[in-house]
Amino acid sequence: MEANSILPILKKKLAFLSGGKDRRSGLILTIPLNSDQTSMEELSATLDYLLSIPSEKCKTRGFTVIVDGRRSQWNIVKTVVLMLADLCVGF
């Protein structure tokens, strides 16, 4: 997947790789949720793209995911966490 194909979605900054790493050298993925702008389809496309960027070596170290739901409703946070659980099964 190329960034150009989902550029309008990426500009919304629904999720991002900060460039930081956790203690085991896994990449940090942040999802800042906002109730009025969160589309699950767009978030899923963003996550698919972001998770395709790192090398296989980085992917084997895993990811730390930060879901910031302070500006969102609980049902949206729960939906995102369940979506991440489904992604982890296929990862």
PDB file of N, CA and C in Angstrom:
ATOM      1  N   MET A   1       0.843  -1.175   0.000  1.00  0.00           N
ATOM      2  CA  MET A   1       0.000   0.000   0.000  1.00  0.00           C
ATOM      3  C   MET A   1       0.892   1.243   0.000  1.00  0.00           C
ATOM      4  N   GLU A   2       0.554   2.183  -0.833  1.00  0.00           N
ATOM      5  CA  GLU A   2       1.326   3.422  -0.910  1.00  0.00           C
ATOM      6  C   GLU A   2       0.599   4.541  -0.183  1.00  0.00           C
ATOM      7  N   ALA A   3       1.366   5.459   0.371  1.00  0.00           N
ATOM      8  CA  ALA A   3       0.798   6.584   1.124  1.00  0.00           C
ATOM      9  C   ALA A   3      -0.092   7.447   0.247  1.00  0.00           C
ATOM     10  N   ASN A   4       0.261   7.582  -1.035  1.00  0.00           N
ATOM     11  CA  ASN A   4      -0.536   8.422  -1.932  1.00  0.00           C
ATOM     12  C   ASN A   4      -1.975   7.953  -2.039  1.00  0.00           C
ATOM     13  N   SER A   5      -2.196   6.656  -1.919  1.00  0.00           N
ATOM     14  CA  SER A   5      -3.545   6.125  -2.073  1.00  0.00           C
ATOM     15  C   SER A   5      -4.461   6.478  -0.904  1.00  0.00           C
ATOM     16  N   ILE A   6      -3.879   6.762   0.263  1.00  0.00           N
ATOM     17  CA  ILE A   6      -4.697   7.118   1.427  1.00  0.00           C
ATOM     18  C   ILE A   6      -4.249   8.450   2.046  1.00  0.00           C
ATOM     19  N   LEU A   7      -3.614   9.290   1.269  1.00  0.00           N
ATOM     20  CA  LEU A   7      -3.086  10.558   1.780  1.00  0.00           C
ATOM     21  C   LEU A   7      -4.119  11.419   2.498  1.00  0.00           C
ATOM     22  N   PRO A   8      -5.342  11.586   1.981  1.00  0.00           N
ATOM     23  CA  PRO A   8      -6.325  12.391   2.723  1.00  0.00           C
ATOM     24  C   PRO A   8      -6.632  11.829   4.119  1.00  0.00           C
ATOM     25  N   ILE A   9      -6.627  10.498   4.220  1.00  0.00           N
ATOM     26  CA  ILE A   9      -6.882   9.865   5.520  1.00  0.00           C
ATOM     27  C   ILE A   9      -5.681  10.068   6.448  1.00  0.00           C
ATOM     28  N   LEU A  10      -4.474   9.923   5.923  1.00  0.00           N
ATOM     29  CA  LEU A  10      -3.275  10.104   6.747  1.00  0.00           C
ATOM     30  C   LEU A  10      -3.169  11.525   7.299  1.00  0.00           C
ATOM     31  N   LYS A  11      -3.634  12.495   6.535  1.00  0.00           N
ATOM     32  CA  LYS A  11      -3.583  13.892   6.983  1.00  0.00           C
ATOM     33  C   LYS A  11      -4.462  14.141   8.201  1.00  0.00           C
ATOM     34  N   LYS A  12      -5.423  13.271   8.448  1.00  0.00           N
ATOM     35  CA  LYS A  12      -6.287  13.407   9.618  1.00  0.00           C
ATOM     36  C   LYS A  12      -5.582  13.012  10.914  1.00  0.00           C
ATOM     37  N   LYS A  13      -4.428  12.350  10.802  1.00  0.00           N
ATOM     38  CA  LYS A  13      -3.619  11.930  11.947  1.00  0.00           C
ATOM     39  C   LYS A  13      -4.425  11.108  12.956  1.00  0.00           C
ATOM     40  N   LEU A  14      -5.122  10.101  12.453  1.00  0.00           N
ATOM     41  CA  LEU A  14      -5.906   9.221  13.307  1.00  0.00           C
ATOM     42  C   LEU A  14      -5.026   8.287  14.123  1.00  0.00           C
ATOM     43  N   ALA A  15      -3.820   8.038  13.635  1.00  0.00           N
ATOM     44  CA  ALA A  15      -2.831   7.216  14.329  1.00  0.00           C
ATOM     45  C   ALA A  15      -1.464   7.577  13.759  1.00  0.00           C
ATOM     46  N   PHE A  16      -0.426   7.357  14.577  1.00  0.00           N
ATOM     47  CA  PHE A  16       0.909   7.664  14.083  1.00  0.00           C
ATOM     48  C   PHE A  16       1.969   6.841  14.808  1.00  0.00           C
ATOM     49  N   LEU A  17       3.055   6.592  14.110  1.00  0.00           N
ATOM     50  CA  LEU A  17       4.248   5.996  14.698  1.00  0.00           C
ATOM     51  C   LEU A  17       5.141   7.152  15.132  1.00  0.00           C
ATOM     52  N   SER A  18       5.371   7.281  16.425  1.00  0.00           N
ATOM     53  CA  SER A  18       6.086   8.446  16.949  1.00  0.00           C
ATOM     54  C   SER A  18       7.584   8.403  16.670  1.00  0.00           C
ATOM     55  N   GLY A  19       8.103   7.235  16.399  1.00  0.00           N
ATOM     56  CA  GLY A  19       9.544   7.094  16.225  1.00  0.00           C
ATOM     57  C   GLY A  19      10.207   6.600  17.500  1.00  0.00           C
ATOM     58  N   GLY A  20       9.447   6.586  18.581  1.00  0.00           N
ATOM     59  CA  GLY A  20       9.958   6.090  19.857  1.00  0.00           C
ATOM     60  C   GLY A  20       9.896   4.577  19.928  1.00  0.00           C
ATOM     61  N   LYS A  21      10.608   4.045  20.916  1.00  0.00           N
ATOM     62  CA  LYS A  21      10.628   2.603  21.133  1.00  0.00           C
ATOM     63  C   LYS A  21      10.410   2.316  22.606  1.00  0.00           C
ATOM     64  N   ASP A  22       9.832   1.136  22.880  1.00  0.00           N
ATOM     65  CA  ASP A  22       9.631   0.727  24.260  1.00  0.00           C
ATOM     66  C   ASP A  22      10.884   0.020  24.782  1.00  0.00           C
ATOM     67  N   ARG A  23      10.822  -0.532  25.969  1.00  0.00           N
ATOM     68  CA  ARG A  23      11.995  -1.161  26.600  1.00  0.00           C
ATOM     69  C   ARG A  23      12.551  -2.353  25.831  1.00  0.00           C
ATOM     70  N   ARG A  24      11.691  -3.022  25.097  1.00  0.00           N
ATOM     71  CA  ARG A  24      12.166  -4.185  24.329  1.00  0.00           C
ATOM     72  C   ARG A  24      12.436  -3.832  22.874  1.00  0.00           C
ATOM     73  N   SER A  25      12.539  -2.528  22.592  1.00  0.00           N
ATOM     74  CA  SER A  25      12.808  -1.982  21.256  1.00  0.00           C
ATOM     75  C   SER A  25      11.644  -2.129  20.289  1.00  0.00           C
ATOM     76  N   GLY A  26      10.438  -2.333  20.819  1.00  0.00           N
ATOM     77  CA  GLY A  26       9.243  -2.360  19.979  1.00  0.00           C
ATOM     78  C   GLY A  26       8.819  -0.938  19.647  1.00  0.00           C
ATOM     79  N   LEU A  27       8.213  -0.766  18.496  1.00  0.00           N
ATOM     80  CA  LEU A  27       7.775   0.556  18.068  1.00  0.00           C
ATOM     81  C   LEU A  27       6.535   1.004  18.828  1.00  0.00           C
ATOM     82  N   ILE A  28       6.393   2.316  19.007  1.00  0.00           N
ATOM     83  CA  ILE A  28       5.243   2.881  19.706  1.00  0.00           C
ATOM     84  C   ILE A  28       4.263   3.443  18.680  1.00  0.00           C
ATOM     85  N   LEU A  29       3.046   2.953  18.735  1.00  0.00           N
ATOM     86  CA  LEU A  29       1.959   3.392  17.871  1.00  0.00           C
ATOM     87  C   LEU A  29       0.941   4.111  18.745  1.00  0.00           C
ATOM     88  N   THR A  30       0.610   5.345  18.392  1.00  0.00           N
ATOM     89  CA  THR A  30      -0.325   6.140  19.182  1.00  0.00           C
ATOM     90  C   THR A  30      -1.602   6.380  18.390  1.00  0.00           C
ATOM     91  N   ILE A  31      -2.731   6.209  19.068  1.00  0.00           N
ATOM     92  CA  ILE A  31      -4.039   6.447  18.466  1.00  0.00           C
ATOM     93  C   ILE A  31      -4.777   7.464  19.331  1.00  0.00           C
ATOM     94  N   PRO A  32      -4.751   8.753  18.936  1.00  0.00           N
ATOM     95  CA  PRO A  32      -5.465   9.780  19.701  1.00  0.00           C
ATOM     96  C   PRO A  32      -6.918   9.877  19.222  1.00  0.00           C
ATOM     97  N   LEU A  33      -7.822   9.294  19.979  1.00  0.00           N
ATOM     98  CA  LEU A  33      -9.219   9.255  19.557  1.00  0.00           C
ATOM     99  C   LEU A  33      -9.941  10.560  19.853  1.00  0.00           C
ATOM    100  N   ASN A  34     -10.852  10.904  18.952  1.00  0.00           N
ATOM    101  CA  ASN A  34     -11.705  12.070  19.110  1.00  0.00           C
ATOM    102  C   ASN A  34     -13.080  11.676  18.579  1.00  0.00           C
ATOM    103  N   SER A  35     -14.086  11.728  19.419  1.00  0.00           N
ATOM    104  CA  SER A  35     -15.421  11.210  19.087  1.00  0.00           C
ATOM    105  C   SER A  35     -15.991  11.753  17.790  1.00  0.00           C
ATOM    106  N   ASP A  36     -15.797  13.020  17.522  1.00  0.00           N
ATOM    107  CA  ASP A  36     -16.458  13.611  16.369  1.00  0.00           C
ATOM    108  C   ASP A  36     -15.736  13.389  15.045  1.00  0.00           C
ATOM    109  N   GLN A  37     -14.537  12.827  15.055  1.00  0.00           N
ATOM    110  CA  GLN A  37     -13.826  12.638  13.789  1.00  0.00           C
ATOM    111  C   GLN A  37     -13.331  11.213  13.571  1.00  0.00           C
ATOM    112  N   THR A  38     -13.694  10.291  14.439  1.00  0.00           N
ATOM    113  CA  THR A  38     -13.179   8.941  14.313  1.00  0.00           C
ATOM    114  C   THR A  38     -14.074   8.082  13.431  1.00  0.00           C
ATOM    115  N   SER A  39     -13.535   7.679  12.292  1.00  0.00           N
ATOM    116  CA  SER A  39     -14.192   6.741  11.390  1.00  0.00           C
ATOM    117  C   SER A  39     -13.407   5.431  11.480  1.00  0.00           C
ATOM    118  N   MET A  40     -14.094   4.363  11.836  1.00  0.00           N
ATOM    119  CA  MET A  40     -13.412   3.080  12.012  1.00  0.00           C
ATOM    120  C   MET A  40     -12.789   2.584  10.709  1.00  0.00           C
ATOM    121  N   GLU A  41     -13.438   2.872   9.581  1.00  0.00           N
ATOM    122  CA  GLU A  41     -12.891   2.447   8.292  1.00  0.00           C
ATOM    123  C   GLU A  41     -11.590   3.195   7.995  1.00  0.00           C
ATOM    124  N   GLU A  42     -11.594   4.495   8.260  1.00  0.00           N
ATOM    125  CA  GLU A  42     -10.385   5.291   8.016  1.00  0.00           C
ATOM    126  C   GLU A  42      -9.283   4.913   8.996  1.00  0.00           C
ATOM    127  N   LEU A  43      -9.645   4.657  10.247  1.00  0.00           N
ATOM    128  CA  LEU A  43      -8.647   4.238  11.234  1.00  0.00           C
ATOM    129  C   LEU A  43      -8.054   2.892  10.848  1.00  0.00           C
ATOM    130  N   SER A  44      -8.881   1.988  10.384  1.00  0.00           N
ATOM    131  CA  SER A  44      -8.393   0.674   9.944  1.00  0.00           C
ATOM    132  C   SER A  44      -7.429   0.805   8.771  1.00  0.00           C
ATOM    133  N   ALA A  45      -7.760   1.662   7.806  1.00  0.00           N
ATOM    134  CA  ALA A  45      -6.867   1.886   6.661  1.00  0.00           C
ATOM    135  C   ALA A  45      -5.548   2.500   7.114  1.00  0.00           C
ATOM    136  N   THR A  46      -5.619   3.427   8.058  1.00  0.00           N
ATOM    137  CA  THR A  46      -4.405   4.051   8.589  1.00  0.00           C
ATOM    138  C   THR A  46      -3.530   3.025   9.294  1.00  0.00           C
ATOM    139  N   LEU A  47      -4.138   2.183  10.124  1.00  0.00           N
ATOM    140  CA  LEU A  47      -3.372   1.160  10.836  1.00  0.00           C
ATOM    141  C   LEU A  47      -2.761   0.147   9.872  1.00  0.00           C
ATOM    142  N   ASP A  48      -3.517  -0.257   8.868  1.00  0.00           N
ATOM    143  CA  ASP A  48      -2.971  -1.184   7.867  1.00  0.00           C
ATOM    144  C   ASP A  48      -1.726  -0.588   7.214  1.00  0.00           C
ATOM    145  N   TYR A  49      -1.807   0.685   6.870  1.00  0.00           N
ATOM    146  CA  TYR A  49      -0.658   1.347   6.241  1.00  0.00           C
ATOM    147  C   TYR A  49       0.516   1.454   7.218  1.00  0.00           C
ATOM    148  N   LEU A  50       0.246   1.965   8.421  1.00  0.00           N
ATOM    149  CA  LEU A  50       1.334   2.175   9.385  1.00  0.00           C
ATOM    150  C   LEU A  50       2.014   0.868   9.787  1.00  0.00           C
ATOM    151  N   LEU A  51       1.250  -0.199   9.890  1.00  0.00           N
ATOM    152  CA  LEU A  51       1.838  -1.483  10.269  1.00  0.00           C
ATOM    153  C   LEU A  51       2.591  -2.147   9.125  1.00  0.00           C
ATOM    154  N   SER A  52       2.418  -1.638   7.907  1.00  0.00           N
ATOM    155  CA  SER A  52       3.155  -2.187   6.769  1.00  0.00           C
ATOM    156  C   SER A  52       4.511  -1.497   6.571  1.00  0.00           C
ATOM    157  N   ILE A  53       4.736  -0.389   7.252  1.00  0.00           N
ATOM    158  CA  ILE A  53       5.964   0.388   7.062  1.00  0.00           C
ATOM    159  C   ILE A  53       7.211  -0.269   7.666  1.00  0.00           C
ATOM    160  N   PRO A  54       7.180  -0.699   8.940  1.00  0.00           N
ATOM    161  CA  PRO A  54       8.412  -1.225   9.558  1.00  0.00           C
ATOM    162  C   PRO A  54       8.924  -2.494   8.890  1.00  0.00           C
ATOM    163  N   SER A  55      10.208  -2.707   9.052  1.00  0.00           N
ATOM    164  CA  SER A  55      10.830  -3.916   8.514  1.00  0.00           C
ATOM    165  C   SER A  55      10.345  -5.135   9.301  1.00  0.00           C
ATOM    166  N   GLU A  56      10.572  -6.304   8.747  1.00  0.00           N
ATOM    167  CA  GLU A  56      10.173  -7.545   9.426  1.00  0.00           C
ATOM    168  C   GLU A  56      10.890  -7.687  10.768  1.00  0.00           C
ATOM    169  N   LYS A  57      12.141  -7.238  10.829  1.00  0.00           N
ATOM    170  CA  LYS A  57      12.903  -7.312  12.078  1.00  0.00           C
ATOM    171  C   LYS A  57      12.234  -6.474  13.169  1.00  0.00           C
ATOM    172  N   CYS A  58      11.794  -5.282  12.805  1.00  0.00           N
ATOM    173  CA  CYS A  58      11.098  -4.416  13.769  1.00  0.00           C
ATOM    174  C   CYS A  58       9.756  -5.013  14.169  1.00  0.00           C
ATOM    175  N   LYS A  59       9.065  -5.603  13.210  1.00  0.00           N
ATOM    176  CA  LYS A  59       7.760  -6.191  13.507  1.00  0.00           C
ATOM    177  C   LYS A  59       7.866  -7.346  14.492  1.00  0.00           C
ATOM    178  N   THR A  60       8.956  -8.101  14.431  1.00  0.00           N
ATOM    179  CA  THR A  60       9.101  -9.226  15.353  1.00  0.00           C
ATOM    180  C   THR A  60       9.276  -8.751  16.790  1.00  0.00           C
ATOM    181  N   ARG A  61       9.735  -7.544  16.993  1.00  0.00           N
ATOM    182  CA  ARG A  61       9.863  -6.981  18.343  1.00  0.00           C
ATOM    183  C   ARG A  61       8.521  -6.544  18.911  1.00  0.00           C
ATOM    184  N   GLY A  62       7.541  -6.390  18.026  1.00  0.00           N
ATOM    185  CA  GLY A  62       6.202  -6.019  18.460  1.00  0.00           C
ATOM    186  C   GLY A  62       6.001  -4.520  18.543  1.00  0.00           C
ATOM    187  N   PHE A  63       4.830  -4.142  18.998  1.00  0.00           N
ATOM    188  CA  PHE A  63       4.434  -2.744  19.101  1.00  0.00           C
ATOM    189  C   PHE A  63       3.864  -2.484  20.477  1.00  0.00           C
ATOM    190  N   THR A  64       4.033  -1.279  20.952  1.00  0.00           N
ATOM    191  CA  THR A  64       3.297  -0.792  22.109  1.00  0.00           C
ATOM    192  C   THR A  64       2.285   0.194  21.559  1.00  0.00           C
ATOM    193  N   VAL A  65       1.009  -0.044  21.854  1.00  0.00           N
ATOM    194  CA  VAL A  65      -0.052   0.807  21.328  1.00  0.00           C
ATOM    195  C   VAL A  65      -0.626   1.651  22.460  1.00  0.00           C
ATOM    196  N   ILE A  66      -0.651   2.947  22.231  1.00  0.00           N
ATOM    197  CA  ILE A  66      -1.243   3.877  23.185  1.00  0.00           C
ATOM    198  C   ILE A  66      -2.553   4.372  22.580  1.00  0.00           C
ATOM    199  N   VAL A  67      -3.660   4.054  23.234  1.00  0.00           N
ATOM    200  CA  VAL A  67      -4.970   4.523  22.791  1.00  0.00           C
ATOM    201  C   VAL A  67      -5.375   5.644  23.743  1.00  0.00           C
ATOM    202  N   ASP A  68      -5.349   6.869  23.241  1.00  0.00           N
ATOM    203  CA  ASP A  68      -5.704   8.035  24.047  1.00  0.00           C
ATOM    204  C   ASP A  68      -7.188   8.325  23.830  1.00  0.00           C
ATOM    205  N   GLY A  69      -8.000   7.894  24.771  1.00  0.00           N
ATOM    206  CA  GLY A  69      -9.440   8.042  24.646  1.00  0.00           C
ATOM    207  C   GLY A  69     -10.021   9.156  25.500  1.00  0.00           C
ATOM    208  N   ARG A  70      -9.185  10.083  25.941  1.00  0.00           N
ATOM    209  CA  ARG A  70      -9.670  11.151  26.821  1.00  0.00           C
ATOM    210  C   ARG A  70     -10.712  12.042  26.152  1.00  0.00           C
ATOM    211  N   ARG A  71     -10.654  12.202  24.856  1.00  0.00           N
ATOM    212  CA  ARG A  71     -11.598  13.066  24.136  1.00  0.00           C
ATOM    213  C   ARG A  71     -12.633  12.253  23.359  1.00  0.00           C
ATOM    214  N   SER A  72     -12.840  11.043  23.796  1.00  0.00           N
ATOM    215  CA  SER A  72     -13.730  10.156  23.071  1.00  0.00           C
ATOM    216  C   SER A  72     -14.702   9.487  24.032  1.00  0.00           C
ATOM    217  N   GLN A  73     -15.661   8.800  23.458  1.00  0.00           N
ATOM    218  CA  GLN A  73     -16.619   8.047  24.252  1.00  0.00           C
ATOM    219  C   GLN A  73     -16.105   6.632  24.455  1.00  0.00           C
ATOM    220  N   TRP A  74     -16.536   6.017  25.556  1.00  0.00           N
ATOM    221  CA  TRP A  74     -16.060   4.689  25.905  1.00  0.00           C
ATOM    222  C   TRP A  74     -16.363   3.675  24.809  1.00  0.00           C
ATOM    223  N   ASN A  75     -17.532   3.732  24.181  1.00  0.00           N
ATOM    224  CA  ASN A  75     -17.869   2.734  23.163  1.00  0.00           C
ATOM    225  C   ASN A  75     -16.915   2.803  21.966  1.00  0.00           C
ATOM    226  N   ILE A  76     -16.393   3.981  21.649  1.00  0.00           N
ATOM    227  CA  ILE A  76     -15.419   4.111  20.558  1.00  0.00           C
ATOM    228  C   ILE A  76     -14.078   3.516  20.985  1.00  0.00           C
ATOM    229  N   VAL A  77     -13.668   3.799  22.223  1.00  0.00           N
ATOM    230  CA  VAL A  77     -12.409   3.232  22.739  1.00  0.00           C
ATOM    231  C   VAL A  77     -12.491   1.714  22.727  1.00  0.00           C
ATOM    232  N   LYS A  78     -13.606   1.175  23.199  1.00  0.00           N
ATOM    233  CA  LYS A  78     -13.791  -0.277  23.240  1.00  0.00           C
ATOM    234  C   LYS A  78     -13.731  -0.879  21.836  1.00  0.00           C
ATOM    235  N   THR A  79     -14.373  -0.231  20.878  1.00  0.00           N
ATOM    236  CA  THR A  79     -14.358  -0.707  19.494  1.00  0.00           C
ATOM    237  C   THR A  79     -12.939  -0.736  18.931  1.00  0.00           C
ATOM    238  N   VAL A  80     -12.156   0.312  19.227  1.00  0.00           N
ATOM    239  CA  VAL A  80     -10.774   0.375  18.748  1.00  0.00           C
ATOM    240  C   VAL A  80      -9.924  -0.719  19.389  1.00  0.00           C
ATOM    241  N   VAL A  81     -10.101  -0.938  20.677  1.00  0.00           N
ATOM    242  CA  VAL A  81      -9.336  -1.987  21.360  1.00  0.00           C
ATOM    243  C   VAL A  81      -9.672  -3.364  20.772  1.00  0.00           C
ATOM    244  N   LEU A  82     -10.950  -3.606  20.502  1.00  0.00           N
ATOM    245  CA  LEU A  82     -11.336  -4.879  19.881  1.00  0.00           C
ATOM    246  C   LEU A  82     -10.771  -5.004  18.470  1.00  0.00           C
ATOM    247  N   MET A  83     -10.740  -3.895  17.715  1.00  0.00           N
ATOM    248  CA  MET A  83     -10.165  -3.897  16.381  1.00  0.00           C
ATOM    249  C   MET A  83      -8.668  -4.214  16.452  1.00  0.00           C
ATOM    250  N   LEU A  84      -7.984  -3.643  17.444  1.00  0.00           N
ATOM    251  CA  LEU A  84      -6.554  -3.929  17.618  1.00  0.00           C
ATOM    252  C   LEU A  84      -6.326  -5.392  17.979  1.00  0.00           C
ATOM    253  N   ALA A  85      -7.203  -5.960  18.784  1.00  0.00           N
ATOM    254  CA  ALA A  85      -7.081  -7.369  19.148  1.00  0.00           C
ATOM    255  C   ALA A  85      -7.201  -8.250  17.901  1.00  0.00           C
ATOM    256  N   ASP A  86      -8.116  -7.894  16.994  1.00  0.00           N
ATOM    257  CA  ASP A  86      -8.266  -8.644  15.746  1.00  0.00           C
ATOM    258  C   ASP A  86      -7.017  -8.493  14.863  1.00  0.00           C
ATOM    259  N   LEU A  87      -6.439  -7.296  14.852  1.00  0.00           N
ATOM    260  CA  LEU A  87      -5.220  -7.076  14.067  1.00  0.00           C
ATOM    261  C   LEU A  87      -4.064  -7.902  14.598  1.00  0.00           C
ATOM    262  N   CYS A  88      -3.983  -8.026  15.916  1.00  0.00           N
ATOM    263  CA  CYS A  88      -2.884  -8.777  16.530  1.00  0.00           C
ATOM    264  C   CYS A  88      -2.961 -10.253  16.193  1.00  0.00           C
ATOM    265  N   VAL A  89      -4.159 -10.776  16.059  1.00  0.00           N
ATOM    266  CA  VAL A  89      -4.319 -12.189  15.693  1.00  0.00           C
ATOM    267  C   VAL A  89      -3.747 -12.439  14.314  1.00  0.00           C
ATOM    268  N   GLY A  90      -3.986 -11.523  13.386  1.00  0.00           N
ATOM    269  CA  GLY A  90      -3.470 -11.686  12.023  1.00  0.00           C
ATOM    270  C   GLY A  90      -2.019 -11.266  11.873  1.00  0.00           C
ATOM    271  N   PHE A  91      -1.468 -10.641  12.861  1.00  0.00           N
ATOM    272  CA  PHE A  91      -0.110 -10.119  12.798  1.00  0.00           C
ATOM    273  C   PHE A  91       0.815 -11.198  13.227  1.00  0.00           C
TER     274      PHE A  91
END
